[in-house]
Amino acid sequence: MIALFLLVSFISFIGSVHPGAVNVAVVQTTLTQSRRAGLWLALGGSLPEIVYSCLAVRGVSLLNLNTTWLTGMQLLSVPVLLVAGMASFRQKKPSVGPVHESVVKHAFPFWRGLVLAATNPQLLPFWSAVWFSLSSTMLLAMNRQQSQWVFIVATSVGAFALLTAMVWLADRHRPRLSRFLNHYPINHLTGATFIGMACWQVVQLW
């Protein structure tokens, strides 16, 4: 069970290393608000891994995925990314610097991360493929029920570890990044990234 937990956590960690919506939001929130706000967003962004990995282990394999369902998830992610992008554009240009923790509201970063991650259409196919690959190994052979829960928890732990590392790196290099980003509208850069992701989803569906 320990070997399974470490392996799945590592897969989740590596699988989260990409310029996705949650990753971009975590870095932006850390730089423009605080490290604690970034961690709250990271927590919200890692919890949907539990839902999708639970669906994967309950029998929603790659062979059973409904094309209509996946298309619906991709369509749902488009307005979410567009709204997040336009909201970033409408924000006043924030300064990249330290913020007093007492003035930061953490509920919004948490829910922002939760929504962005929950509408990621790639999570279910990804974890279905991983579970399907591990199903024939000795790691799952001894205790199927326990293996399922270890797998589900590890998916979220690995993603949270990666997002936490991004928060730490952004906060650690804040002085260096502030000299660069304070000359540019970071909210516009983030907004353009979200809108670009939405356009890419539309292109994939075309």
Protein backbone atom coordinates (compact mmCIF):
# COMPACT_ATOMS: atom_id res chain seq x y z
CA MET A 1 0.00 0.00 0.00
CA ILE A 2 2.90 2.36 0.72
CA ALA A 3 4.45 1.57 -2.65
CA LEU A 4 1.11 2.19 -4.37
CA PHE A 5 0.63 5.49 -2.53
CA LEU A 6 4.11 6.74 -3.43
CA LEU A 7 3.78 5.66 -7.05
CA VAL A 8 0.38 7.26 -7.62
CA SER A 9 1.43 10.43 -5.76
CA PHE A 10 4.47 10.67 -8.03
CA ILE A 11 2.33 10.14 -11.15
CA SER A 12 -0.06 12.84 -9.95
CA PHE A 13 2.83 15.20 -9.19
CA ILE A 14 4.40 14.73 -12.63
CA GLY A 15 1.04 14.78 -14.40
CA SER A 16 0.28 18.18 -12.86
CA VAL A 17 3.44 19.77 -14.29
CA HIS A 18 1.86 21.65 -17.18
CA PRO A 19 0.71 25.23 -17.86
CA GLY A 20 -2.87 24.51 -16.83
CA ALA A 21 -5.51 26.89 -15.49
CA VAL A 22 -4.99 25.92 -11.84
CA ASN A 23 -1.20 26.24 -12.08
CA VAL A 24 -1.46 29.71 -13.61
CA ALA A 25 -4.02 30.79 -11.00
CA VAL A 26 -1.86 29.50 -8.13
CA VAL A 27 1.16 31.50 -9.25
CA GLN A 28 -0.90 34.65 -9.88
CA THR A 29 -2.68 34.42 -6.51
CA THR A 30 0.57 33.85 -4.64
CA LEU A 31 2.27 36.82 -6.28
CA THR A 32 -0.62 39.28 -6.08
CA GLN A 33 -2.14 38.22 -2.76
CA SER A 34 -0.13 36.01 -0.41
CA ARG A 35 1.37 32.59 0.10
CA ARG A 36 -1.57 31.55 2.27
CA ALA A 37 -4.07 32.53 -0.43
CA GLY A 38 -2.04 30.52 -2.94
CA LEU A 39 -2.17 27.50 -0.65
CA TRP A 40 -5.94 27.81 -0.31
CA LEU A 41 -6.27 27.86 -4.09
CA ALA A 42 -3.92 24.88 -4.31
CA LEU A 43 -6.12 22.97 -1.87
CA GLY A 44 -9.25 23.71 -3.89
CA GLY A 45 -7.45 22.81 -7.09
CA SER A 46 -6.36 19.40 -5.81
CA LEU A 47 -9.66 18.16 -4.35
CA PRO A 48 -11.38 17.39 -7.72
CA GLU A 49 -8.67 14.78 -8.27
CA ILE A 50 -10.46 12.74 -5.59
CA VAL A 51 -13.78 12.86 -7.46
CA TYR A 52 -12.37 11.90 -10.85
CA SER A 53 -10.07 9.19 -9.50
CA CYS A 54 -13.04 7.77 -7.54
CA LEU A 55 -15.01 7.59 -10.79
CA ALA A 56 -12.05 5.87 -12.42
CA VAL A 57 -11.75 3.14 -9.78
CA ARG A 58 -15.52 2.59 -9.73
CA GLY A 59 -15.47 1.29 -13.27
CA VAL A 60 -15.45 4.34 -15.54
CA SER A 61 -12.55 3.07 -17.64
CA LEU A 62 -11.24 4.36 -20.95
CA LEU A 63 -13.30 1.69 -22.70
CA ASN A 64 -16.50 2.91 -21.09
CA LEU A 65 -16.05 6.65 -21.41
CA ASN A 66 -19.00 8.31 -23.09
CA THR A 67 -17.91 10.64 -25.90
CA THR A 68 -20.90 12.90 -25.29
CA TRP A 69 -19.99 13.23 -21.61
CA LEU A 70 -16.40 14.19 -22.43
CA THR A 71 -17.56 16.71 -25.01
CA GLY A 72 -19.91 18.21 -22.43
CA MET A 73 -17.05 18.59 -19.95
CA GLN A 74 -14.92 20.31 -22.59
CA LEU A 75 -17.80 22.65 -23.43
CA LEU A 76 -18.31 23.43 -19.74
CA SER A 77 -14.66 24.38 -19.32
CA VAL A 78 -14.91 27.02 -22.08
CA PRO A 79 -17.25 29.48 -20.26
CA VAL A 80 -15.43 28.88 -16.97
CA LEU A 81 -12.09 29.83 -18.53
CA LEU A 82 -13.64 32.78 -20.37
CA VAL A 83 -15.21 34.13 -17.18
CA ALA A 84 -11.93 33.68 -15.29
CA GLY A 85 -10.06 35.44 -18.10
CA MET A 86 -12.46 38.39 -18.30
CA ALA A 87 -12.47 38.71 -14.51
CA SER A 88 -8.67 38.95 -14.57
CA PHE A 89 -8.80 41.63 -17.26
CA ARG A 90 -11.30 43.67 -15.23
CA GLN A 91 -9.09 43.67 -12.13
CA LYS A 92 -6.99 46.69 -11.38
CA LYS A 93 -3.31 46.09 -11.97
CA PRO A 94 -2.09 44.48 -8.74
CA SER A 95 1.38 45.04 -7.40
CA VAL A 96 3.59 41.99 -7.07
CA GLY A 97 4.70 42.28 -3.50
CA PRO A 98 4.04 41.06 0.05
CA VAL A 99 0.48 41.41 1.35
CA HIS A 100 -0.64 41.37 4.96
CA GLU A 101 -2.35 38.04 5.61
CA SER A 102 -5.06 39.71 7.68
CA VAL A 103 -6.50 41.53 4.65
CA VAL A 104 -6.68 38.49 2.39
CA LYS A 105 -9.95 36.56 2.07
CA HIS A 106 -9.17 32.91 1.46
CA ALA A 107 -12.65 31.60 0.59
CA PHE A 108 -12.54 32.97 -2.96
CA PRO A 109 -9.13 31.45 -3.87
CA PHE A 110 -10.31 28.06 -2.59
CA TRP A 111 -13.50 28.06 -4.65
CA ARG A 112 -11.69 29.48 -7.66
CA GLY A 113 -9.25 26.59 -7.58
CA LEU A 114 -12.06 24.07 -7.06
CA VAL A 115 -14.07 25.29 -10.07
CA LEU A 116 -11.06 25.54 -12.39
CA ALA A 117 -9.93 22.00 -11.55
CA ALA A 118 -13.43 20.49 -11.57
CA THR A 119 -14.01 21.59 -15.17
CA ASN A 120 -10.77 20.04 -16.42
CA PRO A 121 -11.95 17.45 -18.98
CA GLN A 122 -8.63 15.59 -18.94
CA LEU A 123 -8.75 14.34 -15.33
CA LEU A 124 -11.13 11.41 -15.80
CA PRO A 125 -9.41 9.95 -18.92
CA PHE A 126 -6.02 10.42 -17.27
CA TRP A 127 -6.88 8.63 -14.03
CA SER A 128 -8.88 5.97 -15.87
CA ALA A 129 -5.77 5.19 -17.93
CA VAL A 130 -3.55 5.07 -14.83
CA TRP A 131 -5.96 2.82 -12.91
CA PHE A 132 -6.38 0.55 -15.92
CA SER A 133 -2.59 0.26 -16.22
CA LEU A 134 -2.15 -0.57 -12.54
CA SER A 135 -5.05 -3.03 -12.39
CA SER A 136 -2.93 -5.92 -13.64
CA THR A 137 0.01 -5.28 -11.31
CA MET A 138 0.81 -6.82 -7.94
CA LEU A 139 0.23 -3.44 -6.27
CA LEU A 140 -3.54 -3.94 -6.51
CA ALA A 141 -3.74 -7.71 -6.23
CA MET A 142 -3.70 -8.22 -2.44
CA ASN A 143 -6.43 -5.88 -1.19
CA ARG A 144 -8.63 -4.35 -3.87
CA GLN A 145 -10.81 -2.29 -1.54
CA GLN A 146 -7.89 -0.76 0.33
CA SER A 147 -6.01 -0.20 -2.91
CA GLN A 148 -8.87 1.89 -4.25
CA TRP A 149 -8.81 4.29 -1.31
CA VAL A 150 -5.03 4.55 -1.35
CA PHE A 151 -5.19 5.33 -5.07
CA ILE A 152 -7.89 7.99 -4.60
CA VAL A 153 -6.10 9.78 -1.76
CA ALA A 154 -2.73 9.66 -3.50
CA THR A 155 -4.07 11.39 -6.62
CA SER A 156 -5.02 14.44 -4.58
CA VAL A 157 -1.87 14.39 -2.43
CA GLY A 158 0.41 14.38 -5.48
CA ALA A 159 -1.43 17.28 -7.13
CA PHE A 160 -1.43 19.29 -3.89
CA ALA A 161 2.30 18.67 -3.46
CA LEU A 162 3.01 20.06 -6.93
CA LEU A 163 0.80 23.12 -6.41
CA THR A 164 2.38 23.71 -2.99
CA ALA A 165 5.81 23.61 -4.60
CA MET A 166 4.66 26.23 -7.11
CA VAL A 167 3.40 28.43 -4.27
CA TRP A 168 6.75 28.08 -2.48
CA LEU A 169 8.75 28.89 -5.63
CA ALA A 170 6.59 31.90 -6.51
CA ASP A 171 6.82 33.26 -2.98
CA ARG A 172 10.55 32.59 -2.71
CA HIS A 173 11.33 34.40 -5.97
CA ARG A 174 8.81 37.20 -5.36
CA PRO A 175 11.48 40.00 -5.20
CA ARG A 176 13.02 38.93 -8.50
CA LEU A 177 9.65 38.45 -10.18
CA SER A 178 8.31 41.75 -8.83
CA ARG A 179 11.02 43.72 -10.64
CA PHE A 180 9.83 42.21 -13.91
CA LEU A 181 6.09 41.82 -13.44
CA ASN A 182 5.41 45.22 -11.87
CA HIS A 183 6.21 46.72 -15.28
CA TYR A 184 3.57 44.53 -16.94
CA PRO A 185 -0.11 43.92 -16.15
CA ILE A 186 0.07 40.43 -14.62
CA ASN A 187 -3.73 40.32 -14.48
CA HIS A 188 -3.81 40.84 -18.27
CA LEU A 189 -1.23 38.11 -18.79
CA THR A 190 -3.28 35.72 -16.67
CA GLY A 191 -6.51 36.72 -18.40
CA ALA A 192 -4.98 36.19 -21.83
CA THR A 193 -3.76 32.74 -20.72
CA PHE A 194 -7.24 31.70 -19.57
CA ILE A 195 -8.90 33.00 -22.75
CA GLY A 196 -6.25 31.25 -24.85
CA MET A 197 -7.03 27.97 -23.06
CA ALA A 198 -10.73 28.47 -23.77
CA CYS A 199 -10.00 29.07 -27.45
CA TRP A 200 -7.86 25.93 -27.55
CA GLN A 201 -10.75 23.90 -26.13
CA VAL A 202 -13.01 25.28 -28.88
CA VAL A 203 -10.43 24.37 -31.53
CA GLN A 204 -10.23 20.82 -30.16
CA LEU A 205 -14.00 20.50 -30.32
CA TRP A 206 -14.25 21.91 -33.84
